[in-house]
PDB file of N, CA and C in Angstrom:
ATOM      1  N   MET A   1       0.561  -1.233  -0.161  1.00  0.00           N
ATOM      2  CA  MET A   1      -0.154   0.202   0.482  1.00  0.00           C
ATOM      3  C   MET A   1       0.834   0.850  -0.536  1.00  0.00           C
ATOM      4  N   LYS A   2       1.199   0.907   1.060  1.00  0.00           N
ATOM      5  CA  LYS A   2       2.846   2.651   0.937  1.00  0.00           C
ATOM      6  C   LYS A   2       3.209   2.681  -0.181  1.00  0.00           C
ATOM      7  N   LYS A   3       4.332   1.693  -1.365  1.00  0.00           N
ATOM      8  CA  LYS A   3       3.911   1.183  -3.212  1.00  0.00           C
ATOM      9  C   LYS A   3       3.493   2.605  -3.774  1.00  0.00           C
ATOM     10  N   LEU A   4       2.492   1.814  -3.495  1.00  0.00           N
ATOM     11  CA  LEU A   4       1.400   2.451  -4.422  1.00  0.00           C
ATOM     12  C   LEU A   4       0.544   3.815  -4.240  1.00  0.00           C
ATOM     13  N   THR A   5       1.009   4.125  -3.148  1.00  0.00           N
ATOM     14  CA  THR A   5       0.750   4.814  -2.301  1.00  0.00           C
ATOM     15  C   THR A   5       2.185   6.460  -3.620  1.00  0.00           C
ATOM     16  N   LEU A   6       3.331   6.079  -2.845  1.00  0.00           N
ATOM     17  CA  LEU A   6       3.671   6.914  -3.756  1.00  0.00           C
ATOM     18  C   LEU A   6       3.917   6.623  -4.810  1.00  0.00           C
ATOM     19  N   LEU A   7       3.595   6.177  -5.891  1.00  0.00           N
ATOM     20  CA  LEU A   7       2.339   6.200  -7.403  1.00  0.00           C
ATOM     21  C   LEU A   7       2.362   6.706  -8.085  1.00  0.00           C
ATOM     22  N   LEU A   8       0.660   7.486  -6.877  1.00  0.00           N
ATOM     23  CA  LEU A   8       0.023   8.049  -6.611  1.00  0.00           C
ATOM     24  C   LEU A   8       0.725   9.063  -6.732  1.00  0.00           C
ATOM     25  N   GLY A   9       1.607   9.756  -5.581  1.00  0.00           N
ATOM     26  CA  GLY A   9       1.741  11.053  -5.469  1.00  0.00           C
ATOM     27  C   GLY A   9       3.401  11.620  -6.329  1.00  0.00           C
ATOM     28  N   ALA A  10       3.959  10.356  -6.491  1.00  0.00           N
ATOM     29  CA  ALA A  10       4.613  11.094  -8.188  1.00  0.00           C
ATOM     30  C   ALA A  10       4.056  11.242  -9.594  1.00  0.00           C
ATOM     31  N   ALA A  11       3.264  10.734  -9.667  1.00  0.00           N
ATOM     32  CA  ALA A  11       2.045  10.619 -10.559  1.00  0.00           C
ATOM     33  C   ALA A  11       1.191  12.259 -10.719  1.00  0.00           C
ATOM     34  N   LEU A  12       1.090  12.188  -9.722  1.00  0.00           N
ATOM     35  CA  LEU A  12       0.632  13.799  -9.324  1.00  0.00           C
ATOM     36  C   LEU A  12       1.807  15.139  -9.225  1.00  0.00           C
ATOM     37  N   LEU A  13       2.389  14.612  -9.335  1.00  0.00           N
ATOM     38  CA  LEU A  13       3.474  16.061  -9.589  1.00  0.00           C
ATOM     39  C   LEU A  13       4.066  15.651 -10.898  1.00  0.00           C
ATOM     40  N   THR A  14       4.606  14.616 -11.553  1.00  0.00           N
ATOM     41  CA  THR A  14       4.540  14.957 -13.155  1.00  0.00           C
ATOM     42  C   THR A  14       3.137  14.943 -13.880  1.00  0.00           C
ATOM     43  N   SER A  15       2.253  15.560 -13.337  1.00  0.00           N
ATOM     44  CA  SER A  15       1.551  14.959 -14.323  1.00  0.00           C
ATOM     45  C   SER A  15       0.884  17.273 -14.407  1.00  0.00           C
ATOM     46  N   GLY A  16       1.114  17.332 -12.897  1.00  0.00           N
ATOM     47  CA  GLY A  16       1.249  19.195 -12.513  1.00  0.00           C
ATOM     48  C   GLY A  16       2.646  19.068 -13.957  1.00  0.00           C
ATOM     49  N   VAL A  17       4.019  18.904 -13.140  1.00  0.00           N
ATOM     50  CA  VAL A  17       4.901  19.578 -14.971  1.00  0.00           C
ATOM     51  C   VAL A  17       4.412  20.002 -16.491  1.00  0.00           C
ATOM     52  N   ALA A  18       3.854  18.687 -16.476  1.00  0.00           N
ATOM     53  CA  ALA A  18       3.678  17.891 -18.256  1.00  0.00           C
ATOM     54  C   ALA A  18       3.306  18.916 -18.393  1.00  0.00           C
ATOM     55  N   LEU A  19       1.803  19.716 -18.120  1.00  0.00           N
ATOM     56  CA  LEU A  19       0.845  20.531 -18.776  1.00  0.00           C
ATOM     57  C   LEU A  19       1.240  21.844 -19.076  1.00  0.00           C
ATOM     58  N   ALA A  20       2.316  22.398 -18.225  1.00  0.00           N
ATOM     59  CA  ALA A  20       2.885  23.520 -19.088  1.00  0.00           C
ATOM     60  C   ALA A  20       3.344  23.168 -19.623  1.00  0.00           C
ATOM     61  N   GLN A  21       4.134  22.078 -20.124  1.00  0.00           N
ATOM     62  CA  GLN A  21       5.035  22.610 -21.331  1.00  0.00           C
ATOM     63  C   GLN A  21       3.908  21.605 -23.251  1.00  0.00           C
ATOM     64  N   CYS A  22       2.120  22.169 -22.665  1.00  0.00           N
ATOM     65  CA  CYS A  22       1.866  20.735 -23.454  1.00  0.00           C
ATOM     66  C   CYS A  22       1.221  21.245 -24.973  1.00  0.00           C
ATOM     67  N   ASN A  23       1.982  20.884 -25.755  1.00  0.00           N
ATOM     68  CA  ASN A  23       1.372  21.045 -27.752  1.00  0.00           C
ATOM     69  C   ASN A  23       1.342  19.661 -27.837  1.00  0.00           C
ATOM     70  N   GLN A  24       1.107  20.413 -29.058  1.00  0.00           N
ATOM     71  CA  GLN A  24       1.137  19.120 -29.968  1.00  0.00           C
ATOM     72  C   GLN A  24       1.742  17.862 -30.702  1.00  0.00           C
ATOM     73  N   ASP A  25       3.099  18.218 -29.827  1.00  0.00           N
ATOM     74  CA  ASP A  25       4.321  17.014 -30.516  1.00  0.00           C
ATOM     75  C   ASP A  25       4.139  16.730 -28.671  1.00  0.00           C
ATOM     76  N   THR A  26       4.230  17.381 -27.012  1.00  0.00           N
ATOM     77  CA  THR A  26       4.592  16.024 -25.921  1.00  0.00           C
ATOM     78  C   THR A  26       2.876  16.139 -26.543  1.00  0.00           C
ATOM     79  N   TYR A  27       1.108  16.569 -26.559  1.00  0.00           N
ATOM     80  CA  TYR A  27       0.244  15.411 -26.430  1.00  0.00           C
ATOM     81  C   TYR A  27       0.742  14.248 -27.178  1.00  0.00           C
ATOM     82  N   LYS A  28       1.408  14.311 -28.777  1.00  0.00           N
ATOM     83  CA  LYS A  28       1.221  12.582 -29.322  1.00  0.00           C
ATOM     84  C   LYS A  28       2.236  11.675 -28.706  1.00  0.00           C
ATOM     85  N   GLN A  29       2.837  11.969 -27.918  1.00  0.00           N
ATOM     86  CA  GLN A  29       3.996  11.610 -27.103  1.00  0.00           C
ATOM     87  C   GLN A  29       2.676  11.256 -26.084  1.00  0.00           C
ATOM     88  N   TYR A  30       2.577  11.717 -25.903  1.00  0.00           N
ATOM     89  CA  TYR A  30       2.100  11.395 -24.143  1.00  0.00           C
ATOM     90  C   TYR A  30       0.738  10.400 -24.779  1.00  0.00           C
ATOM     91  N   HIS A  31       0.585  10.592 -24.674  1.00  0.00           N
ATOM     92  CA  HIS A  31      -0.394  10.100 -25.780  1.00  0.00           C
ATOM     93  C   HIS A  31      -0.798   8.191 -26.657  1.00  0.00           C
ATOM     94  N   ALA A  32       0.072   7.809 -26.977  1.00  0.00           N
ATOM     95  CA  ALA A  32       1.485   7.077 -26.789  1.00  0.00           C
ATOM     96  C   ALA A  32       1.682   6.313 -25.622  1.00  0.00           C
ATOM     97  N   GLU A  33       2.951   7.019 -24.318  1.00  0.00           N
ATOM     98  CA  GLU A  33       2.457   6.705 -22.978  1.00  0.00           C
ATOM     99  C   GLU A  33       1.611   5.905 -22.664  1.00  0.00           C
ATOM    100  N   ALA A  34       0.371   6.610 -23.146  1.00  0.00           N
ATOM    101  CA  ALA A  34      -0.364   6.929 -22.164  1.00  0.00           C
ATOM    102  C   ALA A  34      -1.620   5.341 -22.622  1.00  0.00           C
ATOM    103  N   GLU A  35      -0.990   4.705 -24.286  1.00  0.00           N
ATOM    104  CA  GLU A  35      -1.947   3.929 -24.091  1.00  0.00           C
ATOM    105  C   GLU A  35      -1.148   2.043 -24.055  1.00  0.00           C
ATOM    106  N   ALA A  36       0.480   1.910 -23.848  1.00  0.00           N
ATOM    107  CA  ALA A  36       0.950   1.900 -24.252  1.00  0.00           C
ATOM    108  C   ALA A  36       0.770   1.385 -22.486  1.00  0.00           C
ATOM    109  N   SER A  37       0.676   2.826 -21.308  1.00  0.00           N
ATOM    110  CA  SER A  37       0.619   2.169 -19.967  1.00  0.00           C
ATOM    111  C   SER A  37      -0.902   1.247 -19.632  1.00  0.00           C
ATOM    112  N   ARG A  38      -1.810   1.751 -20.705  1.00  0.00           N
ATOM    113  CA  ARG A  38      -2.810   0.340 -20.533  1.00  0.00           C
ATOM    114  C   ARG A  38      -3.334  -1.212 -20.550  1.00  0.00           C
ATOM    115  N   LYS A  39      -2.605  -0.513 -22.811  1.00  0.00           N
ATOM    116  CA  LYS A  39      -2.695  -2.645 -22.462  1.00  0.00           C
ATOM    117  C   LYS A  39      -1.513  -3.416 -21.285  1.00  0.00           C
ATOM    118  N   LYS A  40      -0.147  -2.327 -21.147  1.00  0.00           N
ATOM    119  CA  LYS A  40       0.233  -3.321 -20.076  1.00  0.00           C
ATOM    120  C   LYS A  40      -0.265  -3.071 -18.857  1.00  0.00           C
ATOM    121  N   ALA A  41      -1.097  -2.132 -18.004  1.00  0.00           N
ATOM    122  CA  ALA A  41      -2.387  -1.848 -17.239  1.00  0.00           C
ATOM    123  C   ALA A  41      -3.237  -4.686 -17.042  1.00  0.00           C
ATOM    124  N   ALA A  42      -4.333  -3.124 -18.101  1.00  0.00           N
ATOM    125  CA  ALA A  42      -4.571  -4.923 -19.435  1.00  0.00           C
ATOM    126  C   ALA A  42      -4.122  -6.307 -18.829  1.00  0.00           C
ATOM    127  N   SER A  43      -3.038  -6.126 -19.466  1.00  0.00           N
ATOM    128  CA  SER A  43      -2.330  -7.584 -19.376  1.00  0.00           C
ATOM    129  C   SER A  43      -2.106  -7.998 -18.704  1.00  0.00           C
ATOM    130  N   VAL A  44      -2.788  -7.602 -17.246  1.00  0.00           N
ATOM    131  CA  VAL A  44      -2.194  -8.456 -16.080  1.00  0.00           C
ATOM    132  C   VAL A  44      -3.076  -8.140 -14.973  1.00  0.00           C
ATOM    133  N   GLY A  45      -4.849  -7.540 -15.631  1.00  0.00           N
ATOM    134  CA  GLY A  45      -5.535  -7.462 -15.813  1.00  0.00           C
ATOM    135  C   GLY A  45      -6.480  -6.786 -13.848  1.00  0.00           C
ATOM    136  N   GLY A  46      -5.170  -5.215 -14.656  1.00  0.00           N
ATOM    137  CA  GLY A  46      -5.162  -4.695 -13.700  1.00  0.00           C
ATOM    138  C   GLY A  46      -6.318  -3.586 -13.810  1.00  0.00           C
ATOM    139  N   GLU A  47      -6.446  -2.950 -15.289  1.00  0.00           N
ATOM    140  CA  GLU A  47      -6.570  -1.687 -15.983  1.00  0.00           C
ATOM    141  C   GLU A  47      -8.043  -1.362 -15.051  1.00  0.00           C
ATOM    142  N   TRP A  48      -7.530  -0.422 -14.960  1.00  0.00           N
ATOM    143  CA  TRP A  48      -8.620   0.477 -14.076  1.00  0.00           C
ATOM    144  C   TRP A  48     -10.499   0.689 -14.862  1.00  0.00           C
ATOM    145  N   TRP A  49     -11.017   0.922 -13.713  1.00  0.00           N
ATOM    146  CA  TRP A  49     -12.018   0.880 -14.789  1.00  0.00           C
ATOM    147  C   TRP A  49     -11.887   2.482 -15.464  1.00  0.00           C
ATOM    148  N   MET A  50     -11.663   3.771 -15.262  1.00  0.00           N
ATOM    149  CA  MET A  50     -11.874   5.213 -14.620  1.00  0.00           C
ATOM    150  C   MET A  50     -11.476   5.396 -16.103  1.00  0.00           C
ATOM    151  N   ALA A  51     -10.057   4.266 -16.770  1.00  0.00           N
ATOM    152  CA  ALA A  51      -9.656   4.568 -17.792  1.00  0.00           C
ATOM    153  C   ALA A  51      -9.782   3.924 -18.882  1.00  0.00           C
ATOM    154  N   THR A  52     -11.295   3.114 -18.866  1.00  0.00           N
ATOM    155  CA  THR A  52     -12.540   3.410 -20.147  1.00  0.00           C
ATOM    156  C   THR A  52     -13.087   4.070 -19.915  1.00  0.00           C
ATOM    157  N   LEU A  53     -14.031   4.543 -18.691  1.00  0.00           N
ATOM    158  CA  LEU A  53     -15.561   4.749 -18.774  1.00  0.00           C
ATOM    159  C   LEU A  53     -15.452   6.118 -17.889  1.00  0.00           C
ATOM    160  N   PRO A  54     -15.795   7.106 -18.440  1.00  0.00           N
ATOM    161  CA  PRO A  54     -16.914   6.657 -19.769  1.00  0.00           C
ATOM    162  C   PRO A  54     -15.573   7.109 -20.843  1.00  0.00           C
ATOM    163  N   ASN A  55     -14.663   7.372 -21.792  1.00  0.00           N
ATOM    164  CA  ASN A  55     -13.995   6.873 -22.501  1.00  0.00           C
ATOM    165  C   ASN A  55     -12.542   8.563 -22.541  1.00  0.00           C
ATOM    166  N   PRO A  56     -11.910   8.458 -21.121  1.00  0.00           N
ATOM    167  CA  PRO A  56     -11.316   9.700 -21.890  1.00  0.00           C
ATOM    168  C   PRO A  56      -9.937   9.461 -22.544  1.00  0.00           C
ATOM    169  N   MET A  57     -10.055   8.117 -23.649  1.00  0.00           N
ATOM    170  CA  MET A  57      -8.849   9.371 -24.809  1.00  0.00           C
ATOM    171  C   MET A  57      -9.513   9.107 -26.150  1.00  0.00           C
ATOM    172  N   LYS A  58     -10.913   9.205 -25.646  1.00  0.00           N
ATOM    173  CA  LYS A  58     -11.706   9.839 -26.748  1.00  0.00           C
ATOM    174  C   LYS A  58     -12.148  11.328 -26.698  1.00  0.00           C
ATOM    175  N   ASP A  59     -12.270  11.318 -25.382  1.00  0.00           N
ATOM    176  CA  ASP A  59     -11.662  12.833 -24.761  1.00  0.00           C
ATOM    177  C   ASP A  59     -10.484  13.724 -25.000  1.00  0.00           C
ATOM    178  N   ALA A  60     -10.179  13.289 -25.260  1.00  0.00           N
ATOM    179  CA  ALA A  60      -8.529  13.180 -25.376  1.00  0.00           C
ATOM    180  C   ALA A  60      -8.053  14.210 -26.402  1.00  0.00           C
ATOM    181  N   GLU A  61      -7.891  13.175 -27.748  1.00  0.00           N
ATOM    182  CA  GLU A  61      -8.447  13.643 -28.994  1.00  0.00           C
ATOM    183  C   GLU A  61      -9.600  13.862 -29.255  1.00  0.00           C
ATOM    184  N   ALA A  62     -11.028  14.997 -29.068  1.00  0.00           N
ATOM    185  CA  ALA A  62     -10.930  15.877 -29.559  1.00  0.00           C
ATOM    186  C   ALA A  62     -11.146  16.962 -28.779  1.00  0.00           C
ATOM    187  N   ALA A  63     -10.672  17.012 -28.069  1.00  0.00           N
ATOM    188  CA  ALA A  63      -9.880  17.734 -27.451  1.00  0.00           C
ATOM    189  C   ALA A  63      -8.631  18.523 -28.140  1.00  0.00           C
ATOM    190  N   ALA A  64      -8.041  17.739 -27.845  1.00  0.00           N
ATOM    191  CA  ALA A  64      -6.420  17.852 -29.580  1.00  0.00           C
ATOM    192  C   ALA A  64      -7.104  18.510 -31.062  1.00  0.00           C
ATOM    193  N   LYS A  65      -8.457  17.350 -31.532  1.00  0.00           N
ATOM    194  CA  LYS A  65      -8.212  18.532 -32.286  1.00  0.00           C
ATOM    195  C   LYS A  65      -8.686  19.582 -32.289  1.00  0.00           C
ATOM    196  N   ALA A  66      -9.278  20.082 -31.252  1.00  0.00           N
ATOM    197  CA  ALA A  66     -10.054  21.197 -31.937  1.00  0.00           C
ATOM    198  C   ALA A  66      -8.526  22.561 -30.728  1.00  0.00           C
ATOM    199  N   GLY A  67      -7.541  21.965 -30.759  1.00  0.00           N
ATOM    200  CA  GLY A  67      -7.037  22.869 -30.550  1.00  0.00           C
ATOM    201  C   GLY A  67      -6.566  22.503 -28.998  1.00  0.00           C
ATOM    202  N   ASN A  68      -7.266  21.649 -28.163  1.00  0.00           N
ATOM    203  CA  ASN A  68      -7.105  23.116 -26.559  1.00  0.00           C
ATOM    204  C   ASN A  68      -6.121  21.091 -26.348  1.00  0.00           C
ATOM    205  N   TYR A  69      -4.844  21.970 -26.318  1.00  0.00           N
ATOM    206  CA  TYR A  69      -3.300  20.510 -25.897  1.00  0.00           C
ATOM    207  C   TYR A  69      -3.256  20.547 -24.266  1.00  0.00           C
ATOM    208  N   GLU A  70      -3.996  21.435 -23.755  1.00  0.00           N
ATOM    209  CA  GLU A  70      -3.589  21.418 -22.662  1.00  0.00           C
ATOM    210  C   GLU A  70      -4.432  20.485 -22.182  1.00  0.00           C
ATOM    211  N   GLU A  71      -6.036  20.670 -22.543  1.00  0.00           N
ATOM    212  CA  GLU A  71      -7.217  19.707 -21.728  1.00  0.00           C
ATOM    213  C   GLU A  71      -6.978  18.056 -22.657  1.00  0.00           C
ATOM    214  N   ALA A  72      -6.359  17.915 -23.453  1.00  0.00           N
ATOM    215  CA  ALA A  72      -5.732  16.983 -24.243  1.00  0.00           C
ATOM    216  C   ALA A  72      -4.320  16.764 -23.221  1.00  0.00           C
ATOM    217  N   CYS A  73      -3.760  16.980 -23.422  1.00  0.00           N
ATOM    218  CA  CYS A  73      -2.489  16.350 -22.128  1.00  0.00           C
ATOM    219  C   CYS A  73      -2.947  16.525 -21.143  1.00  0.00           C
ATOM    220  N   LYS A  74      -3.615  17.036 -20.752  1.00  0.00           N
ATOM    221  CA  LYS A  74      -4.527  16.488 -19.148  1.00  0.00           C
ATOM    222  C   LYS A  74      -5.116  14.845 -19.218  1.00  0.00           C
ATOM    223  N   LEU A  75      -5.909  15.004 -20.063  1.00  0.00           N
ATOM    224  CA  LEU A  75      -6.741  13.308 -20.036  1.00  0.00           C
ATOM    225  C   LEU A  75      -6.195  12.509 -20.460  1.00  0.00           C
ATOM    226  N   VAL A  76      -4.548  12.366 -21.341  1.00  0.00           N
ATOM    227  CA  VAL A  76      -3.826  11.152 -21.238  1.00  0.00           C
ATOM    228  C   VAL A  76      -3.158  10.926 -20.865  1.00  0.00           C
ATOM    229  N   ILE A  77      -1.878  11.971 -19.994  1.00  0.00           N
ATOM    230  CA  ILE A  77      -1.736  11.736 -18.558  1.00  0.00           C
ATOM    231  C   ILE A  77      -2.336  11.060 -17.373  1.00  0.00           C
ATOM    232  N   MET A  78      -3.389  11.673 -17.147  1.00  0.00           N
ATOM    233  CA  MET A  78      -4.041  10.737 -16.241  1.00  0.00           C
ATOM    234  C   MET A  78      -4.192   9.330 -16.715  1.00  0.00           C
ATOM    235  N   VAL A  79      -4.514   8.999 -18.072  1.00  0.00           N
ATOM    236  CA  VAL A  79      -5.223   8.044 -18.167  1.00  0.00           C
ATOM    237  C   VAL A  79      -3.760   6.478 -18.110  1.00  0.00           C
ATOM    238  N   ARG A  80      -2.184   7.687 -18.166  1.00  0.00           N
ATOM    239  CA  ARG A  80      -0.533   6.759 -17.766  1.00  0.00           C
ATOM    240  C   ARG A  80      -0.521   6.010 -17.170  1.00  0.00           C
ATOM    241  N   ASP A  81      -0.903   7.862 -15.840  1.00  0.00           N
ATOM    242  CA  ASP A  81      -0.525   6.930 -14.896  1.00  0.00           C
ATOM    243  C   ASP A  81      -1.357   6.752 -14.051  1.00  0.00           C
ATOM    244  N   TRP A  82      -3.253   6.417 -14.551  1.00  0.00           N
ATOM    245  CA  TRP A  82      -3.638   5.046 -14.099  1.00  0.00           C
ATOM    246  C   TRP A  82      -3.318   4.167 -14.557  1.00  0.00           C
ATOM    247  N   GLY A  83      -2.803   3.534 -15.943  1.00  0.00           N
ATOM    248  CA  GLY A  83      -2.659   2.362 -15.969  1.00  0.00           C
ATOM    249  C   GLY A  83      -1.189   2.278 -15.637  1.00  0.00           C
ATOM    250  N   GLU A  84      -0.195   2.949 -15.264  1.00  0.00           N
ATOM    251  CA  GLU A  84       1.196   2.878 -14.351  1.00  0.00           C
ATOM    252  C   GLU A  84       1.068   2.485 -12.486  1.00  0.00           C
ATOM    253  N   LEU A  85      -0.479   3.129 -12.035  1.00  0.00           N
ATOM    254  CA  LEU A  85      -0.405   2.589 -11.011  1.00  0.00           C
ATOM    255  C   LEU A  85      -1.972   1.632 -10.943  1.00  0.00           C
ATOM    256  N   GLY A  86      -2.283   0.694 -11.810  1.00  0.00           N
ATOM    257  CA  GLY A  86      -3.291  -0.366 -11.660  1.00  0.00           C
ATOM    258  C   GLY A  86      -2.562  -1.451 -12.140  1.00  0.00           C
ATOM    259  N   TYR A  87      -1.285  -1.296 -13.693  1.00  0.00           N
ATOM    260  CA  TYR A  87      -0.032  -2.507 -13.628  1.00  0.00           C
ATOM    261  C   TYR A  87       0.813  -2.615 -12.309  1.00  0.00           C
ATOM    262  N   ALA A  88       0.899  -1.761 -11.114  1.00  0.00           N
ATOM    263  CA  ALA A  88       1.691  -2.181  -9.908  1.00  0.00           C
ATOM    264  C   ALA A  88       1.104  -2.613  -9.071  1.00  0.00           C
ATOM    265  N   GLN A  89      -0.581  -2.277  -9.599  1.00  0.00           N
ATOM    266  CA  GLN A  89      -1.989  -2.854  -7.786  1.00  0.00           C
ATOM    267  C   GLN A  89      -2.323  -4.188  -8.288  1.00  0.00           C
ATOM    268  N   ALA A  90      -1.913  -4.675  -9.749  1.00  0.00           N
ATOM    269  CA  ALA A  90      -1.914  -5.735  -9.899  1.00  0.00           C
ATOM    270  C   ALA A  90      -1.368  -6.429  -9.107  1.00  0.00           C
ATOM    271  N   MET A  91       0.060  -6.428  -9.184  1.00  0.00           N
ATOM    272  CA  MET A  91       1.256  -7.090  -9.891  1.00  0.00           C
ATOM    273  C   MET A  91       1.848  -7.463  -8.263  1.00  0.00           C
ATOM    274  N   SER A  92       1.635  -6.263  -6.971  1.00  0.00           N
ATOM    275  CA  SER A  92       1.594  -6.426  -5.884  1.00  0.00           C
ATOM    276  C   SER A  92       0.352  -6.897  -5.125  1.00  0.00           C
ATOM    277  N   GLN A  93      -0.727  -7.097  -5.360  1.00  0.00           N
ATOM    278  CA  GLN A  93      -1.536  -7.702  -5.550  1.00  0.00           C
ATOM    279  C   GLN A  93      -1.837  -9.578  -6.286  1.00  0.00           C
ATOM    280  N   LYS A  94      -1.415  -9.612  -7.182  1.00  0.00           N
ATOM    281  CA  LYS A  94      -1.161 -11.090  -7.712  1.00  0.00           C
ATOM    282  C   LYS A  94      -0.647 -12.193  -6.960  1.00  0.00           C
ATOM    283  N   ASP A  95      -0.449 -12.276  -5.226  1.00  0.00           N
ATOM    284  CA  ASP A  95      -0.522 -13.417  -5.229  1.00  0.00           C
ATOM    285  C   ASP A  95      -1.885 -13.560  -3.779  1.00  0.00           C
ATOM    286  N   ALA A  96      -2.579 -11.643  -3.691  1.00  0.00           N
ATOM    287  CA  ALA A  96      -3.587 -12.296  -2.666  1.00  0.00           C
ATOM    288  C   ALA A  96      -4.407 -12.985  -3.056  1.00  0.00           C
ATOM    289  N   GLY A  97      -5.299 -13.429  -1.894  1.00  0.00           N
ATOM    290  CA  GLY A  97      -6.366 -14.347  -2.001  1.00  0.00           C
ATOM    291  C   GLY A  97      -6.930 -15.053  -1.218  1.00  0.00           C
ATOM    292  N   PRO A  98      -7.695 -15.829  -1.254  1.00  0.00           N
ATOM    293  CA  PRO A  98      -8.262 -15.878   0.992  1.00  0.00           C
ATOM    294  C   PRO A  98      -7.353 -17.340   1.698  1.00  0.00           C
ATOM    295  N   ARG A  99      -6.971 -17.433   1.942  1.00  0.00           N
ATOM    296  CA  ARG A  99      -6.283 -18.463   2.656  1.00  0.00           C
ATOM    297  C   ARG A  99      -6.659 -19.204   3.715  1.00  0.00           C
ATOM    298  N   PHE A 100      -6.819 -19.942   3.806  1.00  0.00           N
ATOM    299  CA  PHE A 100      -7.940 -21.086   4.734  1.00  0.00           C
ATOM    300  C   PHE A 100      -6.511 -22.353   5.379  1.00  0.00           C
TER     301      PHE A 100
END
């Protein structure tokens, strides 16, 4: 749990820094990172439901298409962080289960 809390704190810190530098190129980079992170979490059953419902990736793509890269980056960074946290959670709890 402590490890997950530290990861969440680090994710929040890096998210704030990234938004100050967001443009079309950084959006594309963050979008690719978010997709990879989401797929990594899904590969171990750790994808958080917030990453798919409603669908922040589609919202980010719409924001980028409208030229609102700050909002687009905010959304894809959020999905990237959720993917990393979901993966970490799944791996830290892979041996969890009932003990009889």
